Amino acid sequence: MSQPATSTPDAQMDLRGTPCPINFVRTKLRLQQMEPGQLLEVWLDPGEPIEQVPESLTVAGYTVEDIDDRSEFFVLYVRRPRA
């Protein structure tokens, strides 16, 4: 996951300050509204959010393409799978 995201995100969400599991639920709902293959950029807090959300999304069938550490928060790039 050290490579930058392969394309410009189709949508962005700032979930800093949002507790678990609400941040996962909001991310999953947003991905479900997107077209297959689209990329979502999600801003998450350090600690439990960045530890739990990427793993939960992977288990749910989404592709985590990159996690960028911006020191004060993390940027998660996740793609909705193609049908």
PDB file of N, CA and C in Angstrom:
ATOM      1  N   MET A   1       0.818  -1.207   0.000  1.00  0.00           N
ATOM      2  CA  MET A   1       0.000   0.000   0.000  1.00  0.00           C
ATOM      3  C   MET A   1       0.853   1.260   0.000  1.00  0.00           C
ATOM      4  N   SER A   2       2.077   1.161  -0.422  1.00  0.00           N
ATOM      5  CA  SER A   2       2.946   2.329  -0.421  1.00  0.00           C
ATOM      6  C   SER A   2       2.825   3.149  -1.702  1.00  0.00           C
ATOM      7  N   GLN A   3       2.166   2.599  -2.716  1.00  0.00           N
ATOM      8  CA  GLN A   3       2.004   3.321  -3.967  1.00  0.00           C
ATOM      9  C   GLN A   3       0.857   4.326  -3.840  1.00  0.00           C
ATOM     10  N   PRO A   4       0.969   5.488  -4.500  1.00  0.00           N
ATOM     11  CA  PRO A   4      -0.134   6.439  -4.459  1.00  0.00           C
ATOM     12  C   PRO A   4      -1.347   5.880  -5.189  1.00  0.00           C
ATOM     13  N   ALA A   5      -2.510   6.428  -4.866  1.00  0.00           N
ATOM     14  CA  ALA A   5      -3.733   5.983  -5.524  1.00  0.00           C
ATOM     15  C   ALA A   5      -3.575   6.140  -7.031  1.00  0.00           C
ATOM     16  N   THR A   6      -4.132   5.209  -7.763  1.00  0.00           N
ATOM     17  CA  THR A   6      -3.895   5.150  -9.198  1.00  0.00           C
ATOM     18  C   THR A   6      -4.670   6.200  -9.983  1.00  0.00           C
ATOM     19  N   SER A   7      -5.673   6.818  -9.384  1.00  0.00           N
ATOM     20  CA  SER A   7      -6.443   7.817 -10.104  1.00  0.00           C
ATOM     21  C   SER A   7      -7.025   8.835  -9.135  1.00  0.00           C
ATOM     22  N   THR A   8      -7.582   9.893  -9.696  1.00  0.00           N
ATOM     23  CA  THR A   8      -8.207  10.927  -8.887  1.00  0.00           C
ATOM     24  C   THR A   8      -9.492  10.379  -8.273  1.00  0.00           C
ATOM     25  N   PRO A   9      -9.703  10.596  -6.968  1.00  0.00           N
ATOM     26  CA  PRO A   9     -10.922  10.085  -6.336  1.00  0.00           C
ATOM     27  C   PRO A   9     -12.184  10.670  -6.976  1.00  0.00           C
ATOM     28  N   ASP A  10     -13.224   9.851  -7.023  1.00  0.00           N
ATOM     29  CA  ASP A  10     -14.513  10.281  -7.557  1.00  0.00           C
ATOM     30  C   ASP A  10     -15.338  11.000  -6.493  1.00  0.00           C
ATOM     31  N   ALA A  11     -15.014  10.756  -5.215  1.00  0.00           N
ATOM     32  CA  ALA A  11     -15.721  11.402  -4.108  1.00  0.00           C
ATOM     33  C   ALA A  11     -14.790  11.445  -2.901  1.00  0.00           C
ATOM     34  N   GLN A  12     -15.104  12.332  -1.939  1.00  0.00           N
ATOM     35  CA  GLN A  12     -14.261  12.496  -0.751  1.00  0.00           C
ATOM     36  C   GLN A  12     -15.157  12.662   0.465  1.00  0.00           C
ATOM     37  N   MET A  13     -14.741  12.069   1.603  1.00  0.00           N
ATOM     38  CA  MET A  13     -15.455  12.202   2.865  1.00  0.00           C
ATOM     39  C   MET A  13     -14.463  12.542   3.966  1.00  0.00           C
ATOM     40  N   ASP A  14     -14.804  13.510   4.800  1.00  0.00           N
ATOM     41  CA  ASP A  14     -13.991  13.854   5.967  1.00  0.00           C
ATOM     42  C   ASP A  14     -14.699  13.281   7.190  1.00  0.00           C
ATOM     43  N   LEU A  15     -14.179  12.182   7.717  1.00  0.00           N
ATOM     44  CA  LEU A  15     -14.780  11.532   8.881  1.00  0.00           C
ATOM     45  C   LEU A  15     -13.921  11.691  10.130  1.00  0.00           C
ATOM     46  N   ARG A  16     -13.064  12.709  10.132  1.00  0.00           N
ATOM     47  CA  ARG A  16     -12.290  12.985  11.340  1.00  0.00           C
ATOM     48  C   ARG A  16     -13.260  13.366  12.450  1.00  0.00           C
ATOM     49  N   GLY A  17     -13.043  12.813  13.629  1.00  0.00           N
ATOM     50  CA  GLY A  17     -13.922  13.085  14.759  1.00  0.00           C
ATOM     51  C   GLY A  17     -15.130  12.163  14.829  1.00  0.00           C
ATOM     52  N   THR A  18     -15.264  11.282  13.841  1.00  0.00           N
ATOM     53  CA  THR A  18     -16.388  10.344  13.824  1.00  0.00           C
ATOM     54  C   THR A  18     -15.942   9.029  14.459  1.00  0.00           C
ATOM     55  N   PRO A  19     -16.657   8.543  15.481  1.00  0.00           N
ATOM     56  CA  PRO A  19     -16.234   7.323  16.182  1.00  0.00           C
ATOM     57  C   PRO A  19     -16.543   6.057  15.393  1.00  0.00           C
ATOM     58  N   CYS A  20     -15.870   4.968  15.783  1.00  0.00           N
ATOM     59  CA  CYS A  20     -16.169   3.637  15.255  1.00  0.00           C
ATOM     60  C   CYS A  20     -17.427   3.129  15.950  1.00  0.00           C
ATOM     61  N   PRO A  21     -18.303   2.402  15.311  1.00  0.00           N
ATOM     62  CA  PRO A  21     -18.247   1.967  13.921  1.00  0.00           C
ATOM     63  C   PRO A  21     -18.971   2.906  12.959  1.00  0.00           C
ATOM     64  N   ILE A  22     -19.362   4.093  13.432  1.00  0.00           N
ATOM     65  CA  ILE A  22     -20.131   5.008  12.581  1.00  0.00           C
ATOM     66  C   ILE A  22     -19.336   5.391  11.334  1.00  0.00           C
ATOM     67  N   ASN A  23     -18.015   5.584  11.474  1.00  0.00           N
ATOM     68  CA  ASN A  23     -17.207   5.961  10.311  1.00  0.00           C
ATOM     69  C   ASN A  23     -17.198   4.839   9.264  1.00  0.00           C
ATOM     70  N   PHE A  24     -17.165   3.588   9.704  1.00  0.00           N
ATOM     71  CA  PHE A  24     -17.230   2.468   8.765  1.00  0.00           C
ATOM     72  C   PHE A  24     -18.591   2.433   8.069  1.00  0.00           C
ATOM     73  N   VAL A  25     -19.660   2.590   8.842  1.00  0.00           N
ATOM     74  CA  VAL A  25     -21.016   2.550   8.281  1.00  0.00           C
ATOM     75  C   VAL A  25     -21.198   3.654   7.244  1.00  0.00           C
ATOM     76  N   ARG A  26     -20.757   4.865   7.559  1.00  0.00           N
ATOM     77  CA  ARG A  26     -20.885   5.988   6.615  1.00  0.00           C
ATOM     78  C   ARG A  26     -20.069   5.747   5.350  1.00  0.00           C
ATOM     79  N   THR A  27     -18.861   5.204   5.512  1.00  0.00           N
ATOM     80  CA  THR A  27     -18.023   4.909   4.351  1.00  0.00           C
ATOM     81  C   THR A  27     -18.683   3.854   3.469  1.00  0.00           C
ATOM     82  N   LYS A  28     -19.183   2.792   4.082  1.00  0.00           N
ATOM     83  CA  LYS A  28     -19.820   1.719   3.321  1.00  0.00           C
ATOM     84  C   LYS A  28     -21.068   2.231   2.598  1.00  0.00           C
ATOM     85  N   LEU A  29     -21.880   3.042   3.269  1.00  0.00           N
ATOM     86  CA  LEU A  29     -23.079   3.590   2.628  1.00  0.00           C
ATOM     87  C   LEU A  29     -22.715   4.462   1.429  1.00  0.00           C
ATOM     88  N   ARG A  30     -21.653   5.270   1.571  1.00  0.00           N
ATOM     89  CA  ARG A  30     -21.225   6.136   0.464  1.00  0.00           C
ATOM     90  C   ARG A  30     -20.726   5.298  -0.707  1.00  0.00           C
ATOM     91  N   LEU A  31     -19.967   4.255  -0.420  1.00  0.00           N
ATOM     92  CA  LEU A  31     -19.473   3.374  -1.484  1.00  0.00           C
ATOM     93  C   LEU A  31     -20.628   2.693  -2.217  1.00  0.00           C
ATOM     94  N   GLN A  32     -21.669   2.326  -1.494  1.00  0.00           N
ATOM     95  CA  GLN A  32     -22.826   1.676  -2.110  1.00  0.00           C
ATOM     96  C   GLN A  32     -23.558   2.624  -3.060  1.00  0.00           C
ATOM     97  N   GLN A  33     -23.430   3.930  -2.848  1.00  0.00           N
ATOM     98  CA  GLN A  33     -24.074   4.926  -3.707  1.00  0.00           C
ATOM     99  C   GLN A  33     -23.245   5.207  -4.960  1.00  0.00           C
ATOM    100  N   MET A  34     -21.989   4.788  -4.947  1.00  0.00           N
ATOM    101  CA  MET A  34     -21.088   5.069  -6.059  1.00  0.00           C
ATOM    102  C   MET A  34     -21.201   3.995  -7.134  1.00  0.00           C
ATOM    103  N   GLU A  35     -20.737   4.329  -8.327  1.00  0.00           N
ATOM    104  CA  GLU A  35     -20.729   3.374  -9.435  1.00  0.00           C
ATOM    105  C   GLU A  35     -19.602   2.364  -9.230  1.00  0.00           C
ATOM    106  N   PRO A  36     -19.782   1.127  -9.690  1.00  0.00           N
ATOM    107  CA  PRO A  36     -18.705   0.130  -9.610  1.00  0.00           C
ATOM    108  C   PRO A  36     -17.417   0.661 -10.250  1.00  0.00           C
ATOM    109  N   GLY A  37     -16.306   0.458  -9.554  1.00  0.00           N
ATOM    110  CA  GLY A  37     -15.014   0.899 -10.052  1.00  0.00           C
ATOM    111  C   GLY A  37     -14.606   2.290  -9.603  1.00  0.00           C
ATOM    112  N   GLN A  38     -15.527   3.047  -9.004  1.00  0.00           N
ATOM    113  CA  GLN A  38     -15.178   4.402  -8.571  1.00  0.00           C
ATOM    114  C   GLN A  38     -14.352   4.365  -7.288  1.00  0.00           C
ATOM    115  N   LEU A  39     -13.562   5.453  -7.093  1.00  0.00           N
ATOM    116  CA  LEU A  39     -12.632   5.562  -5.977  1.00  0.00           C
ATOM    117  C   LEU A  39     -13.119   6.604  -4.976  1.00  0.00           C
ATOM    118  N   LEU A  40     -13.111   6.237  -3.695  1.00  0.00           N
ATOM    119  CA  LEU A  40     -13.523   7.126  -2.613  1.00  0.00           C
ATOM    120  C   LEU A  40     -12.314   7.458  -1.744  1.00  0.00           C
ATOM    121  N   GLU A  41     -12.157   8.748  -1.437  1.00  0.00           N
ATOM    122  CA  GLU A  41     -11.119   9.216  -0.521  1.00  0.00           C
ATOM    123  C   GLU A  41     -11.781   9.498   0.824  1.00  0.00           C
ATOM    124  N   VAL A  42     -11.255   8.894   1.904  1.00  0.00           N
ATOM    125  CA  VAL A  42     -11.840   9.046   3.235  1.00  0.00           C
ATOM    126  C   VAL A  42     -10.764   9.510   4.201  1.00  0.00           C
ATOM    127  N   TRP A  43     -11.050  10.592   4.942  1.00  0.00           N
ATOM    128  CA  TRP A  43     -10.128  11.083   5.960  1.00  0.00           C
ATOM    129  C   TRP A  43     -10.526  10.487   7.298  1.00  0.00           C
ATOM    130  N   LEU A  44      -9.567   9.826   7.965  1.00  0.00           N
ATOM    131  CA  LEU A  44      -9.819   9.149   9.237  1.00  0.00           C
ATOM    132  C   LEU A  44      -8.810   9.564  10.296  1.00  0.00           C
ATOM    133  N   ASP A  45      -9.257   9.521  11.542  1.00  0.00           N
ATOM    134  CA  ASP A  45      -8.380   9.800  12.679  1.00  0.00           C
ATOM    135  C   ASP A  45      -7.417   8.647  12.914  1.00  0.00           C
ATOM    136  N   PRO A  46      -6.277   8.930  13.584  1.00  0.00           N
ATOM    137  CA  PRO A  46      -5.386   7.842  13.984  1.00  0.00           C
ATOM    138  C   PRO A  46      -6.055   6.995  15.073  1.00  0.00           C
ATOM    139  N   GLY A  47      -5.457   5.850  15.376  1.00  0.00           N
ATOM    140  CA  GLY A  47      -5.998   4.984  16.417  1.00  0.00           C
ATOM    141  C   GLY A  47      -7.038   4.030  15.852  1.00  0.00           C
ATOM    142  N   GLU A  48      -8.107   3.841  16.609  1.00  0.00           N
ATOM    143  CA  GLU A  48      -9.127   2.865  16.236  1.00  0.00           C
ATOM    144  C   GLU A  48      -9.690   3.059  14.827  1.00  0.00           C
ATOM    145  N   PRO A  49     -10.003   4.296  14.381  1.00  0.00           N
ATOM    146  CA  PRO A  49     -10.557   4.429  13.025  1.00  0.00           C
ATOM    147  C   PRO A  49      -9.656   3.858  11.932  1.00  0.00           C
ATOM    148  N   ILE A  50      -8.381   4.224  11.924  1.00  0.00           N
ATOM    149  CA  ILE A  50      -7.505   3.751  10.852  1.00  0.00           C
ATOM    150  C   ILE A  50      -7.142   2.277  11.048  1.00  0.00           C
ATOM    151  N   GLU A  51      -7.243   1.778  12.281  1.00  0.00           N
ATOM    152  CA  GLU A  51      -6.979   0.364  12.534  1.00  0.00           C
ATOM    153  C   GLU A  51      -8.165  -0.511  12.121  1.00  0.00           C
ATOM    154  N   GLN A  52      -9.381  -0.008  12.293  1.00  0.00           N
ATOM    155  CA  GLN A  52     -10.581  -0.834  12.076  1.00  0.00           C
ATOM    156  C   GLN A  52     -11.217  -0.670  10.702  1.00  0.00           C
ATOM    157  N   VAL A  53     -11.331   0.558  10.210  1.00  0.00           N
ATOM    158  CA  VAL A  53     -12.105   0.810   8.986  1.00  0.00           C
ATOM    159  C   VAL A  53     -11.525   0.108   7.758  1.00  0.00           C
ATOM    160  N   PRO A  54     -10.212   0.229   7.465  1.00  0.00           N
ATOM    161  CA  PRO A  54      -9.700  -0.452   6.265  1.00  0.00           C
ATOM    162  C   PRO A  54      -9.923  -1.963   6.298  1.00  0.00           C
ATOM    163  N   GLU A  55      -9.688  -2.584   7.442  1.00  0.00           N
ATOM    164  CA  GLU A  55      -9.876  -4.024   7.559  1.00  0.00           C
ATOM    165  C   GLU A  55     -11.347  -4.399   7.371  1.00  0.00           C
ATOM    166  N   SER A  56     -12.246  -3.630   7.974  1.00  0.00           N
ATOM    167  CA  SER A  56     -13.677  -3.905   7.840  1.00  0.00           C
ATOM    168  C   SER A  56     -14.140  -3.747   6.397  1.00  0.00           C
ATOM    169  N   LEU A  57     -13.615  -2.751   5.683  1.00  0.00           N
ATOM    170  CA  LEU A  57     -13.979  -2.553   4.283  1.00  0.00           C
ATOM    171  C   LEU A  57     -13.477  -3.707   3.417  1.00  0.00           C
ATOM    172  N   THR A  58     -12.271  -4.185   3.691  1.00  0.00           N
ATOM    173  CA  THR A  58     -11.712  -5.306   2.946  1.00  0.00           C
ATOM    174  C   THR A  58     -12.569  -6.557   3.148  1.00  0.00           C
ATOM    175  N   VAL A  59     -12.954  -6.809   4.394  1.00  0.00           N
ATOM    176  CA  VAL A  59     -13.807  -7.955   4.696  1.00  0.00           C
ATOM    177  C   VAL A  59     -15.149  -7.826   3.983  1.00  0.00           C
ATOM    178  N   ALA A  60     -15.646  -6.585   3.829  1.00  0.00           N
ATOM    179  CA  ALA A  60     -16.924  -6.338   3.168  1.00  0.00           C
ATOM    180  C   ALA A  60     -16.820  -6.407   1.637  1.00  0.00           C
ATOM    181  N   GLY A  61     -15.597  -6.612   1.115  1.00  0.00           N
ATOM    182  CA  GLY A  61     -15.442  -6.801  -0.321  1.00  0.00           C
ATOM    183  C   GLY A  61     -14.943  -5.594  -1.098  1.00  0.00           C
ATOM    184  N   TYR A  62     -14.551  -4.539  -0.393  1.00  0.00           N
ATOM    185  CA  TYR A  62     -14.026  -3.353  -1.068  1.00  0.00           C
ATOM    186  C   TYR A  62     -12.508  -3.441  -1.160  1.00  0.00           C
ATOM    187  N   THR A  63     -11.920  -2.703  -2.106  1.00  0.00           N
ATOM    188  CA  THR A  63     -10.480  -2.733  -2.328  1.00  0.00           C
ATOM    189  C   THR A  63      -9.835  -1.477  -1.753  1.00  0.00           C
ATOM    190  N   VAL A  64      -9.024  -1.650  -0.709  1.00  0.00           N
ATOM    191  CA  VAL A  64      -8.263  -0.533  -0.149  1.00  0.00           C
ATOM    192  C   VAL A  64      -7.010  -0.391  -0.998  1.00  0.00           C
ATOM    193  N   GLU A  65      -6.907   0.722  -1.735  1.00  0.00           N
ATOM    194  CA  GLU A  65      -5.787   0.907  -2.666  1.00  0.00           C
ATOM    195  C   GLU A  65      -4.583   1.585  -2.029  1.00  0.00           C
ATOM    196  N   ASP A  66      -4.831   2.437  -1.038  1.00  0.00           N
ATOM    197  CA  ASP A  66      -3.716   3.175  -0.444  1.00  0.00           C
ATOM    198  C   ASP A  66      -4.168   3.756   0.884  1.00  0.00           C
ATOM    199  N   ILE A  67      -3.203   3.924   1.791  1.00  0.00           N
ATOM    200  CA  ILE A  67      -3.420   4.658   3.038  1.00  0.00           C
ATOM    201  C   ILE A  67      -2.275   5.649   3.155  1.00  0.00           C
ATOM    202  N   ASP A  68      -2.616   6.923   3.182  1.00  0.00           N
ATOM    203  CA  ASP A  68      -1.626   7.999   3.219  1.00  0.00           C
ATOM    204  C   ASP A  68      -1.614   8.606   4.618  1.00  0.00           C
ATOM    205  N   ASP A  69      -0.469   8.563   5.288  1.00  0.00           N
ATOM    206  CA  ASP A  69      -0.315   9.119   6.632  1.00  0.00           C
ATOM    207  C   ASP A  69       0.040  10.593   6.516  1.00  0.00           C
ATOM    208  N   ARG A  70      -0.895  11.454   6.891  1.00  0.00           N
ATOM    209  CA  ARG A  70      -0.665  12.905   6.840  1.00  0.00           C
ATOM    210  C   ARG A  70      -0.261  13.455   8.201  1.00  0.00           C
ATOM    211  N   SER A  71       0.189  12.617   9.091  1.00  0.00           N
ATOM    212  CA  SER A  71       0.654  12.878  10.450  1.00  0.00           C
ATOM    213  C   SER A  71      -0.479  13.208  11.425  1.00  0.00           C
ATOM    214  N   GLU A  72      -1.403  14.089  11.086  1.00  0.00           N
ATOM    215  CA  GLU A  72      -2.507  14.409  12.002  1.00  0.00           C
ATOM    216  C   GLU A  72      -3.742  13.566  11.712  1.00  0.00           C
ATOM    217  N   PHE A  73      -3.804  13.004  10.514  1.00  0.00           N
ATOM    218  CA  PHE A  73      -4.907  12.128  10.127  1.00  0.00           C
ATOM    219  C   PHE A  73      -4.431  11.238   8.986  1.00  0.00           C
ATOM    220  N   PHE A  74      -5.269  10.292   8.604  1.00  0.00           N
ATOM    221  CA  PHE A  74      -4.944   9.368   7.524  1.00  0.00           C
ATOM    222  C   PHE A  74      -5.922   9.554   6.380  1.00  0.00           C
ATOM    223  N   VAL A  75      -5.439   9.351   5.164  1.00  0.00           N
ATOM    224  CA  VAL A  75      -6.293   9.398   3.981  1.00  0.00           C
ATOM    225  C   VAL A  75      -6.348   7.978   3.422  1.00  0.00           C
ATOM    226  N   LEU A  76      -7.552   7.444   3.386  1.00  0.00           N
ATOM    227  CA  LEU A  76      -7.798   6.096   2.902  1.00  0.00           C
ATOM    228  C   LEU A  76      -8.398   6.190   1.504  1.00  0.00           C
ATOM    229  N   TYR A  77      -7.844   5.419   0.579  1.00  0.00           N
ATOM    230  CA  TYR A  77      -8.387   5.360  -0.777  1.00  0.00           C
ATOM    231  C   TYR A  77      -8.993   3.971  -0.967  1.00  0.00           C
ATOM    232  N   VAL A  78     -10.286   3.928  -1.173  1.00  0.00           N
ATOM    233  CA  VAL A  78     -10.982   2.654  -1.298  1.00  0.00           C
ATOM    234  C   VAL A  78     -11.850   2.662  -2.556  1.00  0.00           C
ATOM    235  N   ARG A  79     -11.825   1.538  -3.264  1.00  0.00           N
ATOM    236  CA  ARG A  79     -12.532   1.437  -4.537  1.00  0.00           C
ATOM    237  C   ARG A  79     -13.703   0.467  -4.418  1.00  0.00           C
ATOM    238  N   ARG A  80     -14.832   0.885  -4.989  1.00  0.00           N
ATOM    239  CA  ARG A  80     -15.974  -0.020  -5.079  1.00  0.00           C
ATOM    240  C   ARG A  80     -15.659  -1.043  -6.170  1.00  0.00           C
ATOM    241  N   PRO A  81     -15.829  -2.331  -5.853  1.00  0.00           N
ATOM    242  CA  PRO A  81     -15.489  -3.346  -6.870  1.00  0.00           C
ATOM    243  C   PRO A  81     -16.417  -3.273  -8.065  1.00  0.00           C
ATOM    244  N   ARG A  82     -15.871  -3.679  -9.194  1.00  0.00           N
ATOM    245  CA  ARG A  82     -16.702  -3.788 -10.405  1.00  0.00           C
ATOM    246  C   ARG A  82     -17.564  -5.033 -10.251  1.00  0.00           C
ATOM    247  N   ALA A  83     -18.728  -4.985 -10.858  1.00  0.00           N
ATOM    248  CA  ALA A  83     -19.706  -6.065 -10.695  1.00  0.00           C
ATOM    249  C   ALA A  83     -19.220  -7.419 -11.045  1.00  0.00           C
TER     250      ALA A  83
END
